Amino acid sequence: MVQRRTDAIKRPRRPVSTRKQATRICAGVLAASLTGCSTVSTGLSTLGSDLFGRTSHLVEGYVGTVVADEPQAALVGQDVLAHGGNAADAAAATAMALAVTLPSRASLGGGGACIASRTGEAPRSFVFLPTAGSATATRAPDARPASVPMTPRGIYMMQLRYGSVEFSDVLRPAIDLARRGMTVSRAFERDLVPVHGALFADEETREIFSRGDGNPLQNGDSLTQPQLAAILERLGHIGVGDLYNGALAQLYANAATASGGALGPADLRAALPLESEALRVSRGADDLYFVAPPADGGFAAAAMIRNGGSAQGAAAAWRSAHAGTSPEDALVSAAQAALDSGSRGAGTLPSLPASTSFVAVDRMGNAVACALTDGNLFGTGRIAKGTGIILGASAAATPQPLLGAAIVQSGKRLVGALASSGQNDAADALGAAADALVTGTSIPHTGQGRVNAAICSGRNANECVGEVDERGAGLATGRGTR
C-alpha cells in the first residue's frame, strides 16, 4: 500500500476508477508513442496494478500532466499522479525512470537541477550538478574522470521537501522497468546508434546496449537491466544515503575506479545538493521563477527575459565572472543582483554537453520542472562495473551544460512550468518559451533548443495542458496535450 509520510498534506478522498482501465489507457498511449513497437513491455503493462500496491486507489478525472523527452518515463510520472501522488512524487518517479529508459542523458551517475512549488508559495531551486572527484582519488591507467552520482541525492532532497509519499514508492516503477524490461524508444535509439562504435569499446556497455549480433539496440527492442534494478532496489530498501555514506558508496567508488572513473568514497560523502530561493523576474502581473546557480541555464534565460539579448551570451559573461570564485550559496544572491541591475552580458560558449528535461504538475497546482545530464552524451562512455550505472562525466573534463527550468505564477495561480535542453540553445529556448507563456503566444520551436511545457493559462485555470517539441520523441500526458 502507499506509504505516506506523516508530514504530508492530507488530501480529500476521491472517487476511484478501475485499475485495469488505467493500465489499458497507459499501454495504449505508450504503444502509440513508441513508433515501431508491436507490444508493450511486461514491466510497463503491469505498472497500473503494481505501483503502489493492490490496495491503492486511482484518482478519477484530471490528475495533472507530465511532459518528458522519453515516453515511458512520462507515463511513469502520470501513473504516480493517477494513484494520488503529487507533482514532486511524479517528478521523482520520472527522473528515476529516465535513469532506466534514457540513461544516455539521465543516468544515476549524472546530476541536474529542479525548481519546485506548492500552490500559492514561491518556488524553490534544487541544484545537484555532476561533481568532479577529488584530485587525490586513485586513477586507472586509462582514466576517464567520472562525476559523483548526484541525481539520486538531488531528486531525493526535492521529493523530501515537496513530495507526499515515501521515496521508496517512487522508485518502484523504475525498478520494474529495469528488471522486467523496457521498450527501446526512438529517443534512446537516436542517442545510441550514432555513437555505438566508440561506446561499445567498453565491454559492459556493449553487453547491455547491443543485440545478440553486436549491433546497437533499435526502437522497439526490449531491454532488461538487472544490475541497475538491484541498485535501485537497494536505494529503496536501505535508503539513498547508502550511496553516499554507506557500504554502497565504497562499492560504487571501487566500481567507478575500476572503470577508469577515479572516484573515492570521500568524494561521494562530500558532494551535497544545494537548495535555495529561485531567481525571480517580474513581468506585469506575472512572476517568472528560474532555477538558480550554480546551474546557470536558469540565470541565462532570466537575463534574456529581464534585460534582453542572448541567453547564451548572458551565460558566457556569467561564467567568465564567477567561475570558481564564489561559494555556491553566494552565487544565488549575485545572480539576482545581476538580473536586477539590468546589465546585459555577451560572449560565446564552447560546445556544451547533452541534457534532458521534464515537467510535472498536479491537480492541486503544485509544479516541478527539471533538467538532467550525464555531463556528456553517455557520460564517460563506461559502466561502473557490476552496477549497470553509466558513469557521468566529470565537470573537470567537460564544460557544464546549460540546465534550465522555470515556473511562472500570477499571484497565487500557476501559469505554467517549463524545462529545456538542447546544448548551447537550451537557455535561449527556455527564455523564449517563458516569454511566450506570459504573452499568451505559441512557444517557438527553433534551433537546437527543446522545451517541455505545462501550460495552465487556458479556459480552465485548474487544468494544465502539456506540450512537447514535436521535433523530438517525447510525450505529453494528460488531457488536451499538444
Protein backbone atom coordinates (compact mmCIF):
# COMPACT_ATOMS: atom_id res chain seq x y z
CA MET A 1 0.00 0.00 0.00
CA VAL A 2 1.03 3.63 -0.30
CA GLN A 3 3.36 4.67 2.49
CA ARG A 4 2.60 8.32 3.11
CA ARG A 5 4.82 10.42 5.30
CA THR A 6 3.25 11.84 8.44
CA ASP A 7 4.22 15.39 7.42
CA ALA A 8 2.42 15.15 4.06
CA ILE A 9 -0.56 17.40 3.41
CA LYS A 10 -3.75 15.35 3.72
CA ARG A 11 -5.98 15.29 0.67
CA PRO A 12 -9.72 14.56 0.47
CA ARG A 13 -10.78 11.13 -0.71
CA ARG A 14 -11.70 10.99 -4.39
CA PRO A 15 -13.90 8.58 -6.32
CA VAL A 16 -11.97 5.70 -7.80
CA SER A 17 -11.98 4.02 -11.19
CA THR A 18 -10.81 0.54 -12.07
CA ARG A 19 -7.10 -0.17 -12.13
CA LYS A 20 -7.47 -2.33 -15.22
CA GLN A 21 -8.91 0.58 -17.21
CA ALA A 22 -5.98 2.83 -16.29
CA THR A 23 -3.50 0.15 -17.28
CA ARG A 24 -5.11 -0.20 -20.70
CA ILE A 25 -5.07 3.56 -21.22
CA CYS A 26 -1.38 3.83 -20.33
CA ALA A 27 -0.48 0.87 -22.52
CA GLY A 28 -2.42 2.30 -25.46
CA VAL A 29 -0.79 5.71 -25.20
CA LEU A 30 2.63 4.11 -24.90
CA ALA A 31 2.19 1.87 -27.92
CA ALA A 32 1.19 4.89 -30.00
CA SER A 33 4.16 6.97 -28.82
CA LEU A 34 6.85 4.32 -29.31
CA THR A 35 6.88 4.13 -33.12
CA GLY A 36 7.87 0.68 -34.26
CA CYS A 37 6.71 -1.15 -31.13
CA SER A 38 4.30 -4.01 -31.68
CA THR A 39 3.86 -4.73 -27.99
CA VAL A 40 4.28 -3.02 -24.65
CA SER A 41 6.95 -4.48 -22.38
CA THR A 42 5.85 -6.54 -19.38
CA GLY A 43 7.21 -4.02 -16.90
CA LEU A 44 5.07 -1.20 -18.25
CA SER A 45 1.94 -3.24 -18.79
CA THR A 46 1.81 -4.04 -15.06
CA LEU A 47 2.57 -0.58 -13.67
CA GLY A 48 -1.11 0.18 -13.19
CA SER A 49 -1.52 -2.71 -10.77
CA ASP A 50 1.91 -2.74 -9.12
CA LEU A 51 2.94 0.87 -8.49
CA PHE A 52 1.51 1.49 -5.02
CA GLY A 53 0.19 -1.96 -4.22
CA ARG A 54 -3.14 -3.66 -4.66
CA THR A 55 -4.99 -1.67 -2.01
CA SER A 56 -4.31 1.72 -3.60
CA HIS A 57 -6.98 3.65 -5.48
CA LEU A 58 -6.90 5.54 -8.76
CA VAL A 59 -7.98 9.18 -8.87
CA GLU A 60 -10.81 9.98 -11.27
CA GLY A 61 -10.81 12.93 -13.65
CA TYR A 62 -7.98 15.35 -14.28
CA VAL A 63 -4.88 14.42 -12.25
CA GLY A 64 -2.24 16.64 -13.84
CA THR A 65 0.26 16.33 -16.65
CA VAL A 66 3.81 15.10 -17.13
CA VAL A 67 5.94 16.02 -20.14
CA ALA A 68 9.29 14.35 -20.81
CA ASP A 69 11.72 13.61 -23.63
CA GLU A 70 11.15 9.85 -23.25
CA PRO A 71 7.58 8.46 -23.36
CA GLN A 72 7.85 5.61 -20.84
CA ALA A 73 9.23 7.95 -18.18
CA ALA A 74 6.39 10.42 -18.80
CA LEU A 75 3.84 7.63 -18.34
CA VAL A 76 5.50 6.59 -15.09
CA GLY A 77 5.03 10.11 -13.75
CA GLN A 78 1.43 10.20 -14.93
CA ASP A 79 0.76 6.88 -13.23
CA VAL A 80 2.01 8.33 -9.95
CA LEU A 81 -0.42 11.25 -10.33
CA ALA A 82 -3.25 8.82 -11.10
CA HIS A 83 -2.53 6.97 -7.85
CA GLY A 84 -2.80 10.16 -5.80
CA GLY A 85 0.83 11.27 -5.74
CA ASN A 86 1.61 14.95 -6.18
CA ALA A 87 3.83 16.76 -8.69
CA ALA A 88 7.03 16.17 -6.71
CA ASP A 89 6.27 12.45 -6.41
CA ALA A 90 5.62 12.27 -10.15
CA ALA A 91 8.78 14.23 -10.95
CA ALA A 92 10.91 11.98 -8.76
CA ALA A 93 9.44 8.85 -10.34
CA THR A 94 10.02 10.31 -13.81
CA ALA A 95 13.65 11.11 -13.00
CA MET A 96 14.31 7.61 -11.70
CA ALA A 97 12.56 6.08 -14.72
CA LEU A 98 14.71 8.19 -17.07
CA ALA A 99 17.78 6.60 -15.47
CA VAL A 100 16.47 3.35 -16.96
CA THR A 101 14.86 4.47 -20.23
CA LEU A 102 17.20 7.34 -21.23
CA PRO A 103 20.50 6.65 -19.40
CA SER A 104 22.34 8.38 -22.24
CA ARG A 105 21.28 11.70 -20.67
CA ALA A 106 19.80 10.89 -17.25
CA SER A 107 21.89 8.15 -15.65
CA LEU A 108 22.02 7.80 -11.88
CA GLY A 109 25.69 8.68 -12.37
CA GLY A 110 24.89 12.22 -13.52
CA GLY A 111 23.19 15.24 -11.99
CA GLY A 112 20.87 18.12 -12.73
CA ALA A 113 18.66 20.88 -11.37
CA CYS A 114 14.97 21.30 -10.47
CA ILE A 115 12.57 24.03 -9.47
CA ALA A 116 9.52 23.12 -7.37
CA SER A 117 6.49 24.93 -5.97
CA ARG A 118 3.38 24.43 -3.88
CA THR A 119 0.17 26.23 -4.64
CA GLY A 120 0.41 29.84 -3.51
CA GLU A 121 4.09 29.63 -2.50
CA ALA A 122 7.22 30.95 -4.18
CA PRO A 123 9.20 28.16 -5.89
CA ARG A 124 12.49 26.78 -4.56
CA SER A 125 15.57 25.79 -6.54
CA PHE A 126 17.43 22.47 -6.18
CA VAL A 127 20.83 22.12 -7.85
CA PHE A 128 22.79 18.87 -7.92
CA LEU A 129 25.31 19.24 -10.72
CA PRO A 130 27.67 16.39 -11.66
CA THR A 131 30.55 16.97 -9.25
CA ALA A 132 34.19 16.19 -10.01
CA GLY A 133 36.06 13.74 -7.82
CA SER A 134 38.96 14.89 -5.66
CA ALA A 135 42.46 15.20 -7.07
CA THR A 136 43.66 12.54 -4.63
CA ALA A 137 41.40 9.78 -5.96
CA THR A 138 43.40 6.93 -7.45
CA ARG A 139 43.14 6.86 -11.24
CA ALA A 140 43.34 3.84 -13.51
CA PRO A 141 45.85 3.98 -16.39
CA ASP A 142 43.04 4.54 -18.92
CA ALA A 143 41.24 7.07 -16.75
CA ARG A 144 38.12 8.87 -17.85
CA PRO A 145 37.32 11.03 -14.81
CA ALA A 146 33.78 10.44 -13.59
CA SER A 147 31.38 12.64 -11.68
CA VAL A 148 29.89 11.86 -8.30
CA PRO A 149 26.38 10.42 -8.91
CA MET A 150 24.30 13.41 -7.84
CA THR A 151 20.89 12.65 -9.36
CA PRO A 152 19.69 10.29 -6.59
CA ARG A 153 20.71 12.72 -3.86
CA GLY A 154 19.25 15.79 -5.56
CA ILE A 155 15.96 14.21 -6.56
CA TYR A 156 15.60 12.71 -3.09
CA MET A 157 16.04 16.15 -1.49
CA MET A 158 13.46 17.73 -3.78
CA GLN A 159 10.94 14.94 -3.17
CA LEU A 160 11.60 15.01 0.58
CA ARG A 161 10.71 18.73 0.68
CA TYR A 162 7.73 18.64 -1.67
CA GLY A 163 6.56 15.04 -2.04
CA SER A 164 3.75 13.20 -0.26
CA VAL A 165 4.86 9.55 -0.34
CA GLU A 166 7.98 7.64 0.68
CA PHE A 167 10.85 7.80 -1.80
CA SER A 168 10.88 4.01 -1.99
CA ASP A 169 7.41 4.19 -3.56
CA VAL A 170 8.53 6.43 -6.43
CA LEU A 171 11.45 4.08 -7.14
CA ARG A 172 9.19 1.11 -7.83
CA PRO A 173 8.31 1.91 -11.47
CA ALA A 174 11.99 2.35 -12.36
CA ILE A 175 12.81 -0.97 -10.69
CA ASP A 176 10.05 -2.66 -12.69
CA LEU A 177 11.32 -1.18 -15.96
CA ALA A 178 14.90 -2.23 -15.26
CA ARG A 179 14.10 -5.74 -14.05
CA ARG A 180 11.10 -6.76 -16.16
CA GLY A 181 12.12 -4.92 -19.30
CA MET A 182 11.58 -1.63 -21.12
CA THR A 183 10.99 -0.94 -24.79
CA VAL A 184 13.79 0.95 -26.53
CA SER A 185 12.22 4.24 -27.60
CA ARG A 186 13.04 6.47 -30.55
CA ALA A 187 14.56 8.93 -28.08
CA PHE A 188 17.09 6.41 -26.77
CA GLU A 189 17.77 4.93 -30.21
CA ARG A 190 18.62 8.41 -31.54
CA ASP A 191 21.26 8.75 -28.83
CA LEU A 192 22.66 5.23 -29.04
CA VAL A 193 23.04 4.47 -32.74
CA PRO A 194 25.29 7.39 -33.80
CA VAL A 195 27.86 6.76 -31.03
CA HIS A 196 27.68 2.99 -30.57
CA GLY A 197 31.01 2.37 -32.31
CA ALA A 198 33.00 4.23 -29.68
CA LEU A 199 30.60 3.35 -26.88
CA PHE A 200 30.87 -0.39 -27.43
CA ALA A 201 34.61 -0.31 -26.81
CA ASP A 202 33.53 -0.76 -23.19
CA GLU A 203 32.60 -4.42 -22.71
CA GLU A 204 29.87 -3.86 -20.11
CA THR A 205 28.26 -1.08 -22.13
CA ARG A 206 28.28 -3.27 -25.24
CA GLU A 207 26.77 -6.19 -23.35
CA ILE A 208 23.85 -4.11 -22.05
CA PHE A 209 23.01 -1.97 -25.09
CA SER A 210 23.69 -4.29 -28.04
CA ARG A 211 21.71 -7.00 -29.76
CA GLY A 212 22.96 -10.56 -29.89
CA ASP A 213 24.74 -9.83 -33.18
CA GLY A 214 26.68 -6.93 -31.70
CA ASN A 215 24.62 -4.20 -33.36
CA PRO A 216 23.04 -1.48 -31.20
CA LEU A 217 19.53 -1.88 -29.87
CA GLN A 218 16.82 -0.41 -32.08
CA ASN A 219 13.48 1.23 -31.44
CA GLY A 220 11.05 -1.49 -30.36
CA ASP A 221 13.66 -3.84 -28.88
CA SER A 222 13.26 -5.00 -25.29
CA LEU A 223 15.98 -4.13 -22.75
CA THR A 224 16.40 -5.52 -19.25
CA GLN A 225 18.97 -4.12 -16.80
CA PRO A 226 19.11 -6.44 -13.75
CA GLN A 227 22.23 -4.87 -12.23
CA LEU A 228 20.66 -1.41 -12.35
CA ALA A 229 17.44 -2.85 -10.90
CA ALA A 230 19.41 -4.26 -7.97
CA ILE A 231 20.96 -0.85 -7.24
CA LEU A 232 17.57 0.86 -7.39
CA GLU A 233 16.08 -1.77 -5.08
CA ARG A 234 18.90 -1.19 -2.63
CA LEU A 235 18.25 2.55 -2.66
CA GLY A 236 14.61 1.78 -1.90
CA HIS A 237 15.25 -0.70 0.91
CA ILE A 238 18.27 0.88 2.64
CA GLY A 239 17.90 4.49 1.53
CA VAL A 240 19.62 6.90 -0.83
CA GLY A 241 22.18 7.69 1.88
CA ASP A 242 23.73 4.26 1.34
CA LEU A 243 25.15 5.52 -1.97
CA TYR A 244 26.93 8.39 -0.21
CA ASN A 245 27.64 7.32 3.36
CA GLY A 246 27.13 3.56 3.44
CA ALA A 247 28.53 0.36 2.02
CA LEU A 248 27.18 1.20 -1.43
CA ALA A 249 29.43 4.28 -1.52
CA GLN A 250 32.53 2.10 -1.24
CA LEU A 251 31.14 -0.36 -3.79
CA TYR A 252 30.35 2.39 -6.30
CA ALA A 253 33.69 4.16 -5.82
CA ASN A 254 35.54 0.90 -6.38
CA ALA A 255 33.45 0.12 -9.47
CA ALA A 256 33.96 3.61 -10.88
CA THR A 257 37.71 3.48 -10.32
CA ALA A 258 37.91 0.03 -11.91
CA SER A 259 36.22 1.59 -14.95
CA GLY A 260 38.69 4.50 -15.06
CA GLY A 261 36.41 6.89 -13.20
CA ALA A 262 38.77 7.96 -10.39
CA LEU A 263 36.31 8.32 -7.52
CA GLY A 264 36.78 7.69 -3.81
CA PRO A 265 34.20 7.21 -1.02
CA ALA A 266 35.12 10.63 0.38
CA ASP A 267 34.05 12.21 -2.91
CA LEU A 268 30.56 10.75 -2.52
CA ARG A 269 30.27 11.81 1.13
CA ALA A 270 31.31 15.39 0.41
CA ALA A 271 29.05 16.12 -2.58
CA LEU A 272 25.80 17.77 -1.47
CA PRO A 273 22.87 19.23 -3.41
CA LEU A 274 22.01 22.90 -2.92
CA GLU A 275 18.52 24.16 -2.08
CA SER A 276 17.93 27.90 -2.39
CA GLU A 277 15.48 30.59 -3.37
CA ALA A 278 14.72 30.62 -7.07
CA LEU A 279 15.69 33.57 -9.25
CA ARG A 280 12.77 35.92 -9.89
CA VAL A 281 11.83 38.23 -12.74
CA SER A 282 8.51 40.12 -12.82
CA ARG A 283 6.59 40.88 -15.99
CA GLY A 284 3.36 42.78 -15.35
CA ALA A 285 1.16 40.64 -13.10
CA ASP A 286 3.31 37.56 -13.69
CA ASP A 287 6.29 36.36 -11.67
CA LEU A 288 8.77 34.17 -13.50
CA TYR A 289 10.96 31.96 -11.30
CA PHE A 290 14.07 30.21 -12.60
CA VAL A 291 16.37 27.54 -11.21
CA ALA A 292 19.31 29.30 -9.56
CA PRO A 293 23.10 28.98 -9.91
CA PRO A 294 25.35 27.12 -9.90
CA ALA A 295 23.05 25.77 -12.64
CA ASP A 296 23.29 28.84 -14.86
CA GLY A 297 20.81 27.99 -17.61
CA GLY A 298 18.06 29.47 -15.45
CA PHE A 299 20.02 32.67 -14.88
CA ALA A 300 20.73 32.98 -18.61
CA ALA A 301 17.06 32.60 -19.53
CA ALA A 302 16.03 35.05 -16.80
CA ALA A 303 18.58 37.58 -18.09
CA MET A 304 17.12 37.24 -21.57
CA ILE A 305 13.64 37.98 -20.20
CA ARG A 306 14.74 40.81 -17.91
CA ASN A 307 17.46 42.54 -19.89
CA GLY A 308 17.13 41.33 -23.48
CA GLY A 309 19.93 39.95 -25.59
CA SER A 310 21.09 36.37 -25.94
CA ALA A 311 20.72 33.90 -23.09
CA GLN A 312 23.90 32.14 -24.22
CA GLY A 313 25.72 35.48 -24.14
CA ALA A 314 24.49 36.11 -20.60
CA ALA A 315 25.68 32.65 -19.56
CA ALA A 316 29.10 33.22 -21.11
CA ALA A 317 29.53 36.52 -19.27
CA TRP A 318 28.35 34.96 -16.01
CA ARG A 319 30.76 32.06 -16.26
CA SER A 320 33.64 34.38 -17.06
CA ALA A 321 32.90 36.49 -13.99
CA HIS A 322 32.05 33.78 -11.48
CA ALA A 323 33.73 30.51 -12.44
CA GLY A 324 35.34 29.04 -9.33
CA THR A 325 35.38 32.35 -7.45
CA SER A 326 32.26 32.33 -5.28
CA PRO A 327 30.77 29.98 -2.69
CA GLU A 328 27.70 28.27 -4.11
CA ASP A 329 25.29 29.98 -1.72
CA ALA A 330 26.72 33.40 -2.65
CA LEU A 331 26.08 32.77 -6.34
CA VAL A 332 22.31 32.97 -5.88
CA SER A 333 22.32 36.49 -4.44
CA ALA A 334 24.92 37.57 -7.01
CA ALA A 335 22.76 36.27 -9.84
CA GLN A 336 19.63 38.02 -8.55
CA ALA A 337 21.60 41.25 -8.18
CA ALA A 338 22.87 40.93 -11.74
CA LEU A 339 19.32 40.48 -13.00
CA ASP A 340 18.02 43.44 -11.01
CA SER A 341 20.84 45.69 -12.26
CA GLY A 342 19.68 45.37 -15.86
CA SER A 343 23.17 44.66 -17.16
CA ARG A 344 23.37 42.68 -20.40
CA GLY A 345 26.15 40.12 -20.83
CA ALA A 346 27.77 38.98 -24.05
CA GLY A 347 30.10 36.23 -25.18
CA THR A 348 30.13 32.71 -26.54
CA LEU A 349 30.37 29.27 -25.01
CA PRO A 350 32.17 26.14 -26.22
CA SER A 351 30.10 23.21 -27.47
CA LEU A 352 28.08 22.07 -24.48
CA PRO A 353 27.05 18.56 -23.35
CA ALA A 354 23.71 16.85 -23.85
CA SER A 355 20.89 17.02 -21.33
CA THR A 356 17.21 16.16 -21.00
CA SER A 357 14.25 17.81 -19.28
CA PHE A 358 10.76 17.17 -17.95
CA VAL A 359 7.92 18.90 -16.09
CA ALA A 360 5.15 17.65 -13.80
CA VAL A 361 2.09 19.48 -12.47
CA ASP A 362 -0.77 18.06 -10.42
CA ARG A 363 -4.47 18.79 -9.95
CA MET A 364 -3.76 20.96 -6.90
CA GLY A 365 -1.49 23.39 -8.75
CA ASN A 366 1.85 22.07 -7.47
CA ALA A 367 4.62 22.01 -10.07
CA VAL A 368 8.14 20.70 -10.67
CA ALA A 369 10.44 21.29 -13.65
CA CYS A 370 13.85 19.62 -14.01
CA ALA A 371 16.82 19.26 -16.34
CA LEU A 372 19.21 16.30 -16.04
CA THR A 373 22.59 15.48 -17.58
CA ASP A 374 25.37 12.89 -17.63
CA GLY A 375 27.89 15.68 -18.27
CA ASN A 376 28.22 14.30 -21.80
CA LEU A 377 26.16 12.01 -24.01
CA PHE A 378 26.54 8.63 -22.24
CA GLY A 379 28.82 10.31 -19.67
CA THR A 380 32.28 8.77 -19.75
CA GLY A 381 31.04 6.07 -22.11
CA ARG A 382 31.56 3.41 -19.46
CA ILE A 383 29.53 1.48 -16.92
CA ALA A 384 30.56 1.39 -13.26
CA LYS A 385 31.38 -2.31 -13.21
CA GLY A 386 28.68 -4.51 -11.74
CA THR A 387 26.20 -1.66 -11.13
CA GLY A 388 24.62 -1.06 -14.53
CA ILE A 389 25.10 2.70 -13.97
CA ILE A 390 26.59 4.82 -16.75
CA LEU A 391 29.32 6.95 -15.18
CA GLY A 392 28.67 10.67 -15.51
CA ALA A 393 31.50 12.73 -16.99
CA SER A 394 33.48 14.81 -14.51
CA ALA A 395 32.96 18.56 -14.55
CA ALA A 396 36.76 18.81 -14.62
CA ALA A 397 36.78 17.11 -18.03
CA THR A 398 33.74 18.63 -19.78
CA PRO A 399 32.03 22.06 -19.71
CA GLN A 400 28.89 22.48 -17.65
CA PRO A 401 25.64 22.18 -19.64
CA LEU A 402 23.05 24.95 -19.61
CA LEU A 403 20.48 23.41 -17.28
CA GLY A 404 17.34 25.49 -17.16
CA ALA A 405 13.85 25.19 -15.67
CA ALA A 406 11.18 27.71 -14.74
CA ILE A 407 7.81 28.09 -13.02
CA VAL A 408 5.52 31.03 -13.84
CA GLN A 409 2.89 32.30 -11.42
CA SER A 410 0.33 35.09 -11.49
CA GLY A 411 -0.46 35.98 -7.92
CA LYS A 412 -1.11 32.61 -6.31
CA ARG A 413 -2.14 30.94 -9.57
CA LEU A 414 0.13 28.63 -11.55
CA VAL A 415 0.58 29.83 -15.13
CA GLY A 416 2.95 27.11 -16.27
CA ALA A 417 6.11 25.08 -15.83
CA LEU A 418 8.96 24.87 -18.34
CA ALA A 419 12.22 22.97 -18.73
CA SER A 420 14.68 22.88 -21.60
CA SER A 421 17.55 21.01 -23.20
CA GLY A 422 19.45 21.44 -26.46
CA GLN A 423 23.12 22.13 -25.73
CA ASN A 424 24.06 25.77 -26.45
CA ASP A 425 20.49 26.78 -27.36
CA ALA A 426 18.88 25.39 -24.19
CA ALA A 427 18.71 28.67 -22.25
CA ASP A 428 17.55 30.74 -25.22
CA ALA A 429 14.78 28.20 -25.82
CA LEU A 430 13.71 28.45 -22.18
CA GLY A 431 13.71 32.25 -22.27
CA ALA A 432 11.65 32.33 -25.46
CA ALA A 433 9.17 29.82 -24.02
CA ALA A 434 8.79 31.81 -20.80
CA ASP A 435 8.16 34.97 -22.81
CA ALA A 436 5.52 33.16 -24.87
CA LEU A 437 3.85 31.91 -21.71
CA VAL A 438 3.33 35.38 -20.25
CA THR A 439 2.33 36.98 -23.56
CA GLY A 440 -0.11 34.21 -24.43
CA THR A 441 1.60 33.29 -27.69
CA SER A 442 2.73 29.93 -29.02
CA ILE A 443 6.03 28.58 -27.77
CA PRO A 444 8.59 28.83 -30.61
CA HIS A 445 10.47 25.68 -31.57
CA THR A 446 13.62 26.77 -33.39
CA GLY A 447 17.31 25.96 -33.28
CA GLN A 448 18.68 23.10 -31.19
CA GLY A 449 16.70 24.07 -28.10
CA ARG A 450 13.91 21.78 -26.91
CA VAL A 451 11.27 22.83 -24.37
CA ASN A 452 8.88 20.67 -22.38
CA ALA A 453 5.96 22.71 -21.06
CA ALA A 454 2.84 22.53 -18.92
CA ILE A 455 0.61 25.49 -19.77
CA CYS A 456 -2.04 26.41 -17.22
CA SER A 457 -3.41 29.67 -18.60
CA GLY A 458 -6.23 28.29 -20.72
CA ARG A 459 -10.00 28.38 -20.28
CA ASN A 460 -9.90 26.12 -17.24
CA ALA A 461 -7.21 27.52 -14.94
CA ASN A 462 -7.32 24.41 -12.76
CA GLU A 463 -6.14 22.19 -15.61
CA CYS A 464 -2.81 22.39 -17.41
CA VAL A 465 -2.04 21.33 -20.97
CA GLY A 466 1.21 19.52 -21.69
CA GLU A 467 3.26 20.48 -24.72
CA VAL A 468 6.27 18.64 -26.15
CA ASP A 469 8.51 19.71 -29.02
CA GLU A 470 7.34 17.64 -31.99
CA ARG A 471 10.87 17.56 -33.41
CA GLY A 472 11.83 15.29 -30.54
CA ALA A 473 10.49 11.90 -29.48
CA GLY A 474 8.94 12.77 -26.13
CA LEU A 475 5.42 12.59 -24.74
CA ALA A 476 2.99 14.95 -23.04
CA THR A 477 0.43 13.13 -20.89
CA GLY A 478 -2.93 14.23 -19.52
CA ARG A 479 -5.93 15.93 -21.10
CA GLY A 480 -5.63 18.20 -24.11
CA THR A 481 -1.92 17.60 -24.64
CA ARG A 482 -0.18 19.09 -27.65
